[in-house]
PDB file of N, CA and C in Angstrom:
ATOM      1  N   MET A   1    -219.331 -13.665 -39.704  1.00  0.00           N
ATOM      2  CA  MET A   1    -219.498 -14.009 -41.106  1.00  0.00           C
ATOM      3  C   MET A   1    -218.197 -14.525 -41.726  1.00  0.00           C
ATOM      4  N   THR A   2    -217.308 -15.039 -40.877  1.00  0.00           N
ATOM      5  CA  THR A   2    -216.041 -15.578 -41.354  1.00  0.00           C
ATOM      6  C   THR A   2    -216.282 -16.608 -42.450  1.00  0.00           C
ATOM      7  N   GLY A   3    -215.636 -16.414 -43.569  1.00  0.00           N
ATOM      8  CA  GLY A   3    -215.790 -17.327 -44.695  1.00  0.00           C
ATOM      9  C   GLY A   3    -216.902 -16.932 -45.648  1.00  0.00           C
ATOM     10  N   CYS A   4    -217.739 -16.000 -45.241  1.00  0.00           N
ATOM     11  CA  CYS A   4    -218.849 -15.551 -46.100  1.00  0.00           C
ATOM     12  C   CYS A   4    -218.655 -14.125 -46.591  1.00  0.00           C
ATOM     13  N   GLU A   5    -217.494 -13.550 -46.303  1.00  0.00           N
ATOM     14  CA  GLU A   5    -217.313 -12.136 -46.633  1.00  0.00           C
ATOM     15  C   GLU A   5    -217.455 -11.847 -48.122  1.00  0.00           C
ATOM     16  N   GLU A   6    -217.006 -12.760 -48.969  1.00  0.00           N
ATOM     17  CA  GLU A   6    -217.094 -12.498 -50.408  1.00  0.00           C
ATOM     18  C   GLU A   6    -218.529 -12.593 -50.919  1.00  0.00           C
ATOM     19  N   ILE A   7    -219.271 -13.575 -50.469  1.00  0.00           N
ATOM     20  CA  ILE A   7    -220.656 -13.678 -50.957  1.00  0.00           C
ATOM     21  C   ILE A   7    -221.519 -12.571 -50.360  1.00  0.00           C
ATOM     22  N   MET A   8    -221.191 -12.105 -49.159  1.00  0.00           N
ATOM     23  CA  MET A   8    -221.916 -10.969 -48.596  1.00  0.00           C
ATOM     24  C   MET A   8    -221.530  -9.692 -49.351  1.00  0.00           C
ATOM     25  N   ALA A   9    -220.239  -9.540 -49.654  1.00  0.00           N
ATOM     26  CA  ALA A   9    -219.780  -8.364 -50.391  1.00  0.00           C
ATOM     27  C   ALA A   9    -220.438  -8.289 -51.768  1.00  0.00           C
ATOM     28  N   ASP A  10    -220.695  -9.431 -52.383  1.00  0.00           N
ATOM     29  CA  ASP A  10    -221.368  -9.460 -53.688  1.00  0.00           C
ATOM     30  C   ASP A  10    -222.789  -8.921 -53.608  1.00  0.00           C
ATOM     31  N   ARG A  11    -223.403  -8.976 -52.416  1.00  0.00           N
ATOM     32  CA  ARG A  11    -224.775  -8.475 -52.240  1.00  0.00           C
ATOM     33  C   ARG A  11    -224.817  -6.999 -51.854  1.00  0.00           C
ATOM     34  N   ALA A  12    -223.664  -6.398 -51.605  1.00  0.00           N
ATOM     35  CA  ALA A  12    -223.618  -4.986 -51.223  1.00  0.00           C
ATOM     36  C   ALA A  12    -224.040  -4.110 -52.394  1.00  0.00           C
ATOM     37  N   VAL A  13    -224.709  -3.011 -52.081  1.00  0.00           N
ATOM     38  CA  VAL A  13    -225.232  -2.148 -53.143  1.00  0.00           C
ATOM     39  C   VAL A  13    -224.163  -1.271 -53.779  1.00  0.00           C
ATOM     40  N   THR A  14    -223.006  -1.131 -53.137  1.00  0.00           N
ATOM     41  CA  THR A  14    -221.921  -0.331 -53.725  1.00  0.00           C
ATOM     42  C   THR A  14    -220.583  -1.044 -53.520  1.00  0.00           C
ATOM     43  N   PRO A  15    -219.619  -0.763 -54.378  1.00  0.00           N
ATOM     44  CA  PRO A  15    -218.276  -1.321 -54.175  1.00  0.00           C
ATOM     45  C   PRO A  15    -217.660  -0.869 -52.849  1.00  0.00           C
ATOM     46  N   MET A  16    -217.930   0.371 -52.435  1.00  0.00           N
ATOM     47  CA  MET A  16    -217.397   0.867 -51.163  1.00  0.00           C
ATOM     48  C   MET A  16    -217.942   0.049 -49.995  1.00  0.00           C
ATOM     49  N   LEU A  17    -219.230  -0.269 -50.029  1.00  0.00           N
ATOM     50  CA  LEU A  17    -219.821  -1.086 -48.981  1.00  0.00           C
ATOM     51  C   LEU A  17    -219.238  -2.498 -49.014  1.00  0.00           C
ATOM     52  N   SER A  18    -218.980  -3.032 -50.187  1.00  0.00           N
ATOM     53  CA  SER A  18    -218.332  -4.342 -50.305  1.00  0.00           C
ATOM     54  C   SER A  18    -217.002  -4.339 -49.555  1.00  0.00           C
ATOM     55  N   ASP A  19    -216.222  -3.290 -49.749  1.00  0.00           N
ATOM     56  CA  ASP A  19    -214.928  -3.170 -49.073  1.00  0.00           C
ATOM     57  C   ASP A  19    -215.108  -3.057 -47.559  1.00  0.00           C
ATOM     58  N   GLU A  20    -216.125  -2.301 -47.131  1.00  0.00           N
ATOM     59  CA  GLU A  20    -216.391  -2.149 -45.692  1.00  0.00           C
ATOM     60  C   GLU A  20    -216.761  -3.494 -45.054  1.00  0.00           C
ATOM     61  N   LEU A  21    -217.554  -4.296 -45.767  1.00  0.00           N
ATOM     62  CA  LEU A  21    -217.950  -5.606 -45.239  1.00  0.00           C
ATOM     63  C   LEU A  21    -216.734  -6.522 -45.095  1.00  0.00           C
ATOM     64  N   ARG A  22    -215.886  -6.542 -46.109  1.00  0.00           N
ATOM     65  CA  ARG A  22    -214.664  -7.360 -46.034  1.00  0.00           C
ATOM     66  C   ARG A  22    -213.778  -6.902 -44.881  1.00  0.00           C
ATOM     67  N   ALA A  23    -213.642  -5.601 -44.728  1.00  0.00           N
ATOM     68  CA  ALA A  23    -212.796  -5.048 -43.664  1.00  0.00           C
ATOM     69  C   ALA A  23    -213.367  -5.380 -42.286  1.00  0.00           C
ATOM     70  N   ALA A  24    -214.676  -5.371 -42.136  1.00  0.00           N
ATOM     71  CA  ALA A  24    -215.299  -5.688 -40.849  1.00  0.00           C
ATOM     72  C   ALA A  24    -215.037  -7.146 -40.460  1.00  0.00           C
ATOM     73  N   VAL A  25    -215.094  -8.044 -41.420  1.00  0.00           N
ATOM     74  CA  VAL A  25    -214.823  -9.463 -41.130  1.00  0.00           C
ATOM     75  C   VAL A  25    -213.349  -9.649 -40.775  1.00  0.00           C
ATOM     76  N   ALA A  26    -212.474  -8.981 -41.510  1.00  0.00           N
ATOM     77  CA  ALA A  26    -211.035  -9.077 -41.207  1.00  0.00           C
ATOM     78  C   ALA A  26    -210.732  -8.507 -39.830  1.00  0.00           C
ATOM     79  N   LYS A  27    -211.376  -7.397 -39.478  1.00  0.00           N
ATOM     80  CA  LYS A  27    -211.190  -6.784 -38.165  1.00  0.00           C
ATOM     81  C   LYS A  27    -211.628  -7.741 -37.068  1.00  0.00           C
ATOM     82  N   ALA A  28    -212.761  -8.400 -37.262  1.00  0.00           N
ATOM     83  CA  ALA A  28    -213.255  -9.355 -36.272  1.00  0.00           C
ATOM     84  C   ALA A  28    -212.281 -10.518 -36.111  1.00  0.00           C
ATOM     85  N   ALA A  29    -211.743 -11.006 -37.209  1.00  0.00           N
ATOM     86  CA  ALA A  29    -210.785 -12.118 -37.141  1.00  0.00           C
ATOM     87  C   ALA A  29    -209.550 -11.717 -36.340  1.00  0.00           C
ATOM     88  N   ARG A  30    -209.029 -10.514 -36.586  1.00  0.00           N
ATOM     89  CA  ARG A  30    -207.858 -10.030 -35.828  1.00  0.00           C
ATOM     90  C   ARG A  30    -208.188  -9.868 -34.351  1.00  0.00           C
ATOM     91  N   TYR A  31    -209.339  -9.297 -34.072  1.00  0.00           N
ATOM     92  CA  TYR A  31    -209.760  -9.031 -32.697  1.00  0.00           C
ATOM     93  C   TYR A  31    -209.846 -10.330 -31.899  1.00  0.00           C
ATOM     94  N   TYR A  32    -210.552 -11.310 -32.455  1.00  0.00           N
ATOM     95  CA  TYR A  32    -210.732 -12.569 -31.734  1.00  0.00           C
ATOM     96  C   TYR A  32    -209.447 -13.389 -31.675  1.00  0.00           C
ATOM     97  N   ALA A  33    -208.595 -13.276 -32.682  1.00  0.00           N
ATOM     98  CA  ALA A  33    -207.305 -13.965 -32.631  1.00  0.00           C
ATOM     99  C   ALA A  33    -206.443 -13.395 -31.510  1.00  0.00           C
ATOM    100  N   THR A  34    -206.496 -12.082 -31.326  1.00  0.00           N
ATOM    101  CA  THR A  34    -205.744 -11.445 -30.243  1.00  0.00           C
ATOM    102  C   THR A  34    -206.209 -11.959 -28.891  1.00  0.00           C
ATOM    103  N   LEU A  35    -207.504 -12.154 -28.749  1.00  0.00           N
ATOM    104  CA  LEU A  35    -208.046 -12.660 -27.487  1.00  0.00           C
ATOM    105  C   LEU A  35    -207.869 -14.171 -27.352  1.00  0.00           C
ATOM    106  N   GLY A  36    -207.588 -14.842 -28.453  1.00  0.00           N
ATOM    107  CA  GLY A  36    -207.375 -16.282 -28.402  1.00  0.00           C
ATOM    108  C   GLY A  36    -208.644 -17.108 -28.490  1.00  0.00           C
ATOM    109  N   TYR A  37    -209.705 -16.519 -29.026  1.00  0.00           N
ATOM    110  CA  TYR A  37    -210.935 -17.292 -29.217  1.00  0.00           C
ATOM    111  C   TYR A  37    -211.780 -16.658 -30.301  1.00  0.00           C
ATOM    112  N   GLY A  38    -212.797 -17.375 -30.683  1.00  0.00           N
ATOM    113  CA  GLY A  38    -213.745 -16.873 -31.667  1.00  0.00           C
ATOM    114  C   GLY A  38    -215.151 -17.153 -31.173  1.00  0.00           C
ATOM    115  N   SER A  39    -216.062 -17.223 -32.086  1.00  0.00           N
ATOM    116  CA  SER A  39    -217.453 -17.430 -31.695  1.00  0.00           C
ATOM    117  C   SER A  39    -217.906 -18.873 -31.899  1.00  0.00           C
ATOM    118  N   PHE A  40    -216.956 -19.782 -32.065  1.00  0.00           N
ATOM    119  CA  PHE A  40    -217.303 -21.187 -32.237  1.00  0.00           C
ATOM    120  C   PHE A  40    -217.155 -21.877 -30.883  1.00  0.00           C
ATOM    121  N   ALA A  41    -218.270 -22.193 -30.269  1.00  0.00           N
ATOM    122  CA  ALA A  41    -218.275 -22.761 -28.922  1.00  0.00           C
ATOM    123  C   ALA A  41    -218.489 -24.271 -28.974  1.00  0.00           C
ATOM    124  N   PRO A  42    -218.175 -24.973 -27.881  1.00  0.00           N
ATOM    125  CA  PRO A  42    -218.387 -26.420 -27.846  1.00  0.00           C
ATOM    126  C   PRO A  42    -219.814 -26.834 -28.215  1.00  0.00           C
ATOM    127  N   GLY A  43    -220.785 -26.014 -27.852  1.00  0.00           N
ATOM    128  CA  GLY A  43    -222.172 -26.324 -28.197  1.00  0.00           C
ATOM    129  C   GLY A  43    -222.416 -26.372 -29.697  1.00  0.00           C
ATOM    130  N   ASN A  44    -221.645 -25.567 -30.448  1.00  0.00           N
ATOM    131  CA  ASN A  44    -221.764 -25.614 -31.907  1.00  0.00           C
ATOM    132  C   ASN A  44    -221.379 -26.992 -32.422  1.00  0.00           C
ATOM    133  N   ALA A  45    -220.272 -27.525 -31.913  1.00  0.00           N
ATOM    134  CA  ALA A  45    -219.830 -28.859 -32.329  1.00  0.00           C
ATOM    135  C   ALA A  45    -220.820 -29.919 -31.877  1.00  0.00           C
ATOM    136  N   ASP A  46    -221.335 -29.764 -30.664  1.00  0.00           N
ATOM    137  CA  ASP A  46    -222.340 -30.718 -30.168  1.00  0.00           C
ATOM    138  C   ASP A  46    -223.579 -30.729 -31.057  1.00  0.00           C
ATOM    139  N   GLY A  47    -223.880 -29.576 -31.659  1.00  0.00           N
ATOM    140  CA  GLY A  47    -225.034 -29.470 -32.556  1.00  0.00           C
ATOM    141  C   GLY A  47    -224.757 -29.958 -33.966  1.00  0.00           C
ATOM    142  N   GLY A  48    -223.509 -30.355 -34.242  1.00  0.00           N
ATOM    143  CA  GLY A  48    -223.196 -30.925 -35.541  1.00  0.00           C
ATOM    144  C   GLY A  48    -222.350 -30.056 -36.453  1.00  0.00           C
ATOM    145  N   LEU A  49    -222.038 -28.828 -36.036  1.00  0.00           N
ATOM    146  CA  LEU A  49    -221.198 -27.975 -36.875  1.00  0.00           C
ATOM    147  C   LEU A  49    -219.743 -28.402 -36.747  1.00  0.00           C
ATOM    148  N   THR A  50    -218.981 -28.196 -37.817  1.00  0.00           N
ATOM    149  CA  THR A  50    -217.583 -28.614 -37.787  1.00  0.00           C
ATOM    150  C   THR A  50    -216.591 -27.458 -37.904  1.00  0.00           C
ATOM    151  N   THR A  51    -217.025 -26.296 -38.429  1.00  0.00           N
ATOM    152  CA  THR A  51    -216.114 -25.173 -38.608  1.00  0.00           C
ATOM    153  C   THR A  51    -216.848 -23.854 -38.377  1.00  0.00           C
ATOM    154  N   ILE A  52    -216.068 -22.797 -38.157  1.00  0.00           N
ATOM    155  CA  ILE A  52    -216.650 -21.462 -38.026  1.00  0.00           C
ATOM    156  C   ILE A  52    -217.301 -21.037 -39.341  1.00  0.00           C
ATOM    157  N   GLU A  53    -216.721 -21.460 -40.463  1.00  0.00           N
ATOM    158  CA  GLU A  53    -217.302 -21.114 -41.764  1.00  0.00           C
ATOM    159  C   GLU A  53    -218.676 -21.754 -41.937  1.00  0.00           C
ATOM    160  N   GLU A  54    -218.813 -22.973 -41.455  1.00  0.00           N
ATOM    161  CA  GLU A  54    -220.112 -23.647 -41.532  1.00  0.00           C
ATOM    162  C   GLU A  54    -221.138 -22.907 -40.676  1.00  0.00           C
ATOM    163  N   LYS A  55    -220.715 -22.444 -39.514  1.00  0.00           N
ATOM    164  CA  LYS A  55    -221.603 -21.658 -38.659  1.00  0.00           C
ATOM    165  C   LYS A  55    -222.007 -20.372 -39.372  1.00  0.00           C
ATOM    166  N   SER A  56    -221.042 -19.732 -40.032  1.00  0.00           N
ATOM    167  CA  SER A  56    -221.319 -18.494 -40.751  1.00  0.00           C
ATOM    168  C   SER A  56    -222.332 -18.700 -41.872  1.00  0.00           C
ATOM    169  N   MET A  57    -222.266 -19.845 -42.536  1.00  0.00           N
ATOM    170  CA  MET A  57    -223.220 -20.122 -43.612  1.00  0.00           C
ATOM    171  C   MET A  57    -224.652 -20.150 -43.087  1.00  0.00           C
ATOM    172  N   GLY A  58    -224.833 -20.607 -41.863  1.00  0.00           N
ATOM    173  CA  GLY A  58    -226.166 -20.566 -41.254  1.00  0.00           C
ATOM    174  C   GLY A  58    -226.639 -19.136 -41.076  1.00  0.00           C
ATOM    175  N   ALA A  59    -225.753 -18.270 -40.605  1.00  0.00           N
ATOM    176  CA  ALA A  59    -226.101 -16.857 -40.452  1.00  0.00           C
ATOM    177  C   ALA A  59    -226.385 -16.229 -41.818  1.00  0.00           C
ATOM    178  N   TYR A  60    -225.569 -16.587 -42.793  1.00  0.00           N
ATOM    179  CA  TYR A  60    -225.780 -16.069 -44.139  1.00  0.00           C
ATOM    180  C   TYR A  60    -227.162 -16.484 -44.661  1.00  0.00           C
ATOM    181  N   ALA A  61    -227.502 -17.740 -44.489  1.00  0.00           N
ATOM    182  CA  ALA A  61    -228.801 -18.230 -44.971  1.00  0.00           C
ATOM    183  C   ALA A  61    -229.950 -17.461 -44.327  1.00  0.00           C
ATOM    184  N   LYS A  62    -229.796 -17.101 -43.060  1.00  0.00           N
ATOM    185  CA  LYS A  62    -230.851 -16.356 -42.356  1.00  0.00           C
ATOM    186  C   LYS A  62    -230.980 -14.928 -42.853  1.00  0.00           C
ATOM    187  N   SER A  63    -229.963 -14.431 -43.556  1.00  0.00           N
ATOM    188  CA  SER A  63    -230.000 -13.042 -44.018  1.00  0.00           C
ATOM    189  C   SER A  63    -230.896 -12.858 -45.241  1.00  0.00           C
ATOM    190  N   GLY A  64    -231.318 -13.944 -45.843  1.00  0.00           N
ATOM    191  CA  GLY A  64    -232.189 -13.844 -47.006  1.00  0.00           C
ATOM    192  C   GLY A  64    -231.422 -13.528 -48.277  1.00  0.00           C
ATOM    193  N   ALA A  65    -232.077 -12.844 -49.192  1.00  0.00           N
ATOM    194  CA  ALA A  65    -231.462 -12.564 -50.491  1.00  0.00           C
ATOM    195  C   ALA A  65    -231.490 -11.080 -50.848  1.00  0.00           C
ATOM    196  N   SER A  66    -231.962 -10.238 -49.940  1.00  0.00           N
ATOM    197  CA  SER A  66    -232.035  -8.803 -50.225  1.00  0.00           C
ATOM    198  C   SER A  66    -230.652  -8.202 -50.374  1.00  0.00           C
ATOM    199  N   PRO A  67    -230.538  -7.148 -51.162  1.00  0.00           N
ATOM    200  CA  PRO A  67    -229.265  -6.439 -51.240  1.00  0.00           C
ATOM    201  C   PRO A  67    -228.909  -5.853 -49.864  1.00  0.00           C
ATOM    202  N   ILE A  68    -227.639  -5.807 -49.555  1.00  0.00           N
ATOM    203  CA  ILE A  68    -227.180  -5.209 -48.296  1.00  0.00           C
ATOM    204  C   ILE A  68    -226.946  -3.733 -48.566  1.00  0.00           C
ATOM    205  N   VAL A  69    -227.632  -2.876 -47.787  1.00  0.00           N
ATOM    206  CA  VAL A  69    -227.574  -1.443 -48.052  1.00  0.00           C
ATOM    207  C   VAL A  69    -226.654  -0.689 -47.096  1.00  0.00           C
ATOM    208  N   GLY A  70    -226.206  -1.341 -46.028  1.00  0.00           N
ATOM    209  CA  GLY A  70    -225.337  -0.618 -45.105  1.00  0.00           C
ATOM    210  C   GLY A  70    -224.763  -1.494 -44.019  1.00  0.00           C
ATOM    211  N   LEU A  71    -223.784  -0.920 -43.328  1.00  0.00           N
ATOM    212  CA  LEU A  71    -223.131  -1.543 -42.188  1.00  0.00           C
ATOM    213  C   LEU A  71    -223.259  -0.549 -41.047  1.00  0.00           C
ATOM    214  N   ILE A  72    -223.850  -0.983 -39.944  1.00  0.00           N
ATOM    215  CA  ILE A  72    -224.062  -0.078 -38.825  1.00  0.00           C
ATOM    216  C   ILE A  72    -223.380  -0.620 -37.572  1.00  0.00           C
ATOM    217  N   LYS A  73    -223.229   0.248 -36.582  1.00  0.00           N
ATOM    218  CA  LYS A  73    -222.666  -0.088 -35.279  1.00  0.00           C
ATOM    219  C   LYS A  73    -223.807  -0.179 -34.276  1.00  0.00           C
ATOM    220  N   PRO A  74    -223.580  -0.865 -33.147  1.00  0.00           N
ATOM    221  CA  PRO A  74    -224.626  -0.900 -32.116  1.00  0.00           C
ATOM    222  C   PRO A  74    -225.043   0.526 -31.727  1.00  0.00           C
ATOM    223  N   GLY A  75    -226.331   0.733 -31.638  1.00  0.00           N
ATOM    224  CA  GLY A  75    -226.868   2.043 -31.278  1.00  0.00           C
ATOM    225  C   GLY A  75    -227.153   2.944 -32.460  1.00  0.00           C
ATOM    226  N   ASP A  76    -226.613   2.614 -33.639  1.00  0.00           N
ATOM    227  CA  ASP A  76    -226.899   3.412 -34.833  1.00  0.00           C
ATOM    228  C   ASP A  76    -228.343   3.208 -35.264  1.00  0.00           C
ATOM    229  N   ILE A  77    -228.935   4.249 -35.772  1.00  0.00           N
ATOM    230  CA  ILE A  77    -230.278   4.158 -36.351  1.00  0.00           C
ATOM    231  C   ILE A  77    -230.103   4.144 -37.864  1.00  0.00           C
ATOM    232  N   PRO A  78    -230.572   3.094 -38.527  1.00  0.00           N
ATOM    233  CA  PRO A  78    -230.434   3.049 -39.995  1.00  0.00           C
ATOM    234  C   PRO A  78    -231.070   4.289 -40.614  1.00  0.00           C
ATOM    235  N   PRO A  79    -230.383   4.921 -41.562  1.00  0.00           N
ATOM    236  CA  PRO A  79    -230.905   6.151 -42.155  1.00  0.00           C
ATOM    237  C   PRO A  79    -232.102   5.946 -43.084  1.00  0.00           C
ATOM    238  N   HIS A  80    -232.295   4.712 -43.547  1.00  0.00           N
ATOM    239  CA  HIS A  80    -233.426   4.402 -44.422  1.00  0.00           C
ATOM    240  C   HIS A  80    -233.656   2.899 -44.368  1.00  0.00           C
ATOM    241  N   GLY A  81    -234.694   2.429 -45.024  1.00  0.00           N
ATOM    242  CA  GLY A  81    -235.012   1.014 -45.021  1.00  0.00           C
ATOM    243  C   GLY A  81    -234.000   0.179 -45.773  1.00  0.00           C
ATOM    244  N   GLY A  82    -234.082  -1.117 -45.579  1.00  0.00           N
ATOM    245  CA  GLY A  82    -233.201  -2.039 -46.273  1.00  0.00           C
ATOM    246  C   GLY A  82    -232.494  -2.950 -45.294  1.00  0.00           C
ATOM    247  N   LEU A  83    -231.676  -3.837 -45.829  1.00  0.00           N
ATOM    248  CA  LEU A  83    -230.947  -4.797 -45.011  1.00  0.00           C
ATOM    249  C   LEU A  83    -229.596  -4.222 -44.609  1.00  0.00           C
ATOM    250  N   TYR A  84    -229.383  -4.148 -43.306  1.00  0.00           N
ATOM    251  CA  TYR A  84    -228.115  -3.680 -42.739  1.00  0.00           C
ATOM    252  C   TYR A  84    -227.468  -4.827 -41.984  1.00  0.00           C
ATOM    253  N   LEU A  85    -226.145  -4.857 -42.009  1.00  0.00           N
ATOM    254  CA  LEU A  85    -225.392  -5.758 -41.143  1.00  0.00           C
ATOM    255  C   LEU A  85    -224.834  -4.926 -40.012  1.00  0.00           C
ATOM    256  N   MET A  86    -224.687  -5.538 -38.834  1.00  0.00           N
ATOM    257  CA  MET A  86    -224.174  -4.810 -37.681  1.00  0.00           C
ATOM    258  C   MET A  86    -222.748  -5.245 -37.374  1.00  0.00           C
ATOM    259  N   ASP A  87    -221.869  -4.272 -37.293  1.00  0.00           N
ATOM    260  CA  ASP A  87    -220.470  -4.488 -36.924  1.00  0.00           C
ATOM    261  C   ASP A  87    -220.373  -4.292 -35.416  1.00  0.00           C
ATOM    262  N   VAL A  88    -220.279  -5.392 -34.680  1.00  0.00           N
ATOM    263  CA  VAL A  88    -220.271  -5.322 -33.214  1.00  0.00           C
ATOM    264  C   VAL A  88    -218.870  -5.364 -32.623  1.00  0.00           C
ATOM    265  N   VAL A  89    -217.846  -5.519 -33.444  1.00  0.00           N
ATOM    266  CA  VAL A  89    -216.467  -5.596 -32.953  1.00  0.00           C
ATOM    267  C   VAL A  89    -215.919  -4.178 -32.811  1.00  0.00           C
ATOM    268  N   PRO A  90    -215.365  -3.841 -31.638  1.00  0.00           N
ATOM    269  CA  PRO A  90    -214.828  -2.485 -31.451  1.00  0.00           C
ATOM    270  C   PRO A  90    -213.710  -2.173 -32.441  1.00  0.00           C
ATOM    271  N   ASP A  91    -213.609  -0.901 -32.813  1.00  0.00           N
ATOM    272  CA  ASP A  91    -212.532  -0.453 -33.685  1.00  0.00           C
ATOM    273  C   ASP A  91    -211.252  -0.296 -32.872  1.00  0.00           C
ATOM    274  N   GLY A  92    -210.119  -0.334 -33.546  1.00  0.00           N
ATOM    275  CA  GLY A  92    -208.835  -0.112 -32.892  1.00  0.00           C
ATOM    276  C   GLY A  92    -208.301  -1.365 -32.226  1.00  0.00           C
ATOM    277  N   GLU A  93    -207.301  -1.145 -31.363  1.00  0.00           N
ATOM    278  CA  GLU A  93    -206.678  -2.251 -30.649  1.00  0.00           C
ATOM    279  C   GLU A  93    -207.644  -2.861 -29.646  1.00  0.00           C
ATOM    280  N   VAL A  94    -207.408  -4.120 -29.308  1.00  0.00           N
ATOM    281  CA  VAL A  94    -208.234  -4.793 -28.307  1.00  0.00           C
ATOM    282  C   VAL A  94    -208.043  -4.067 -26.979  1.00  0.00           C
ATOM    283  N   ARG A  95    -209.141  -3.594 -26.402  1.00  0.00           N
ATOM    284  CA  ARG A  95    -209.079  -2.848 -25.154  1.00  0.00           C
ATOM    285  C   ARG A  95    -209.728  -3.589 -24.001  1.00  0.00           C
ATOM    286  N   PHE A  96    -210.543  -4.558 -24.321  1.00  0.00           N
ATOM    287  CA  PHE A  96    -211.207  -5.304 -23.261  1.00  0.00           C
ATOM    288  C   PHE A  96    -211.501  -6.699 -23.769  1.00  0.00           C
ATOM    289  N   GLY A  97    -211.862  -7.557 -22.863  1.00  0.00           N
ATOM    290  CA  GLY A  97    -212.108  -8.951 -23.195  1.00  0.00           C
ATOM    291  C   GLY A  97    -211.131  -9.812 -22.432  1.00  0.00           C
ATOM    292  N   PHE A  98    -211.375 -11.059 -22.425  1.00  0.00           N
ATOM    293  CA  PHE A  98    -210.534 -11.984 -21.691  1.00  0.00           C
ATOM    294  C   PHE A  98    -209.942 -12.991 -22.646  1.00  0.00           C
ATOM    295  N   PRO A  99    -208.620 -13.155 -22.626  1.00  0.00           N
ATOM    296  CA  PRO A  99    -208.026 -14.161 -23.501  1.00  0.00           C
ATOM    297  C   PRO A  99    -208.448 -15.556 -23.082  1.00  0.00           C
ATOM    298  N   ASN A 100    -208.382 -16.468 -24.004  1.00  0.00           N
ATOM    299  CA  ASN A 100    -208.722 -17.858 -23.726  1.00  0.00           C
ATOM    300  C   ASN A 100    -207.565 -18.485 -22.963  1.00  0.00           C
ATOM    301  N   ILE A 101    -207.760 -18.748 -21.693  1.00  0.00           N
ATOM    302  CA  ILE A 101    -206.695 -19.262 -20.837  1.00  0.00           C
ATOM    303  C   ILE A 101    -206.184 -20.609 -21.329  1.00  0.00           C
ATOM    304  N   ARG A 102    -207.045 -21.420 -21.927  1.00  0.00           N
ATOM    305  CA  ARG A 102    -206.599 -22.722 -22.452  1.00  0.00           C
ATOM    306  C   ARG A 102    -205.598 -22.539 -23.577  1.00  0.00           C
ATOM    307  N   THR A 103    -205.844 -21.569 -24.457  1.00  0.00           N
ATOM    308  CA  THR A 103    -204.913 -21.296 -25.551  1.00  0.00           C
ATOM    309  C   THR A 103    -203.596 -20.781 -25.006  1.00  0.00           C
ATOM    310  N   MET A 104    -203.651 -19.929 -23.999  1.00  0.00           N
ATOM    311  CA  MET A 104    -202.435 -19.380 -23.409  1.00  0.00           C
ATOM    312  C   MET A 104    -201.618 -20.486 -22.758  1.00  0.00           C
ATOM    313  N   LEU A 105    -202.272 -21.416 -22.084  1.00  0.00           N
ATOM    314  CA  LEU A 105    -201.558 -22.514 -21.423  1.00  0.00           C
ATOM    315  C   LEU A 105    -200.908 -23.418 -22.449  1.00  0.00           C
ATOM    316  N   ARG A 106    -201.610 -23.715 -23.539  1.00  0.00           N
ATOM    317  CA  ARG A 106    -201.059 -24.577 -24.589  1.00  0.00           C
ATOM    318  C   ARG A 106    -199.829 -23.946 -25.239  1.00  0.00           C
ATOM    319  N   SER A 107    -199.881 -22.634 -25.497  1.00  0.00           N
ATOM    320  CA  SER A 107    -198.772 -21.983 -26.187  1.00  0.00           C
ATOM    321  C   SER A 107    -197.551 -21.806 -25.278  1.00  0.00           C
ATOM    322  N   SER A 108    -197.715 -21.908 -23.971  1.00  0.00           N
ATOM    323  CA  SER A 108    -196.577 -21.734 -23.070  1.00  0.00           C
ATOM    324  C   SER A 108    -195.841 -23.041 -22.820  1.00  0.00           C
ATOM    325  N   LYS A 109    -196.357 -24.147 -23.335  1.00  0.00           N
ATOM    326  CA  LYS A 109    -195.711 -25.452 -23.120  1.00  0.00           C
ATOM    327  C   LYS A 109    -194.637 -25.720 -24.125  1.00  0.00           C
TER     328      LYS A 109
END
């Protein structure tokens, strides 16, 4: 949801949840920057997208207009009905994943 954190936070049912949503997007940005890649693949560009923010707007549009009632992790069972977003990025320091070798080669030149 890079670039959509503020409009998603505006849909959160509480200010605390708004802060959690912003923090989750920031955490994802740090995580993927450490690995040297994000979720914008060549196929996205082939399909006509130009930026990660543009890709995020598509995901945002698919979320509808319901208030966001929570942020859950994989395997969590929502405690009640409503729209939840899933935080799939691990907490803490990057512990697994593969850096983008192309980025590493470019930065070593």
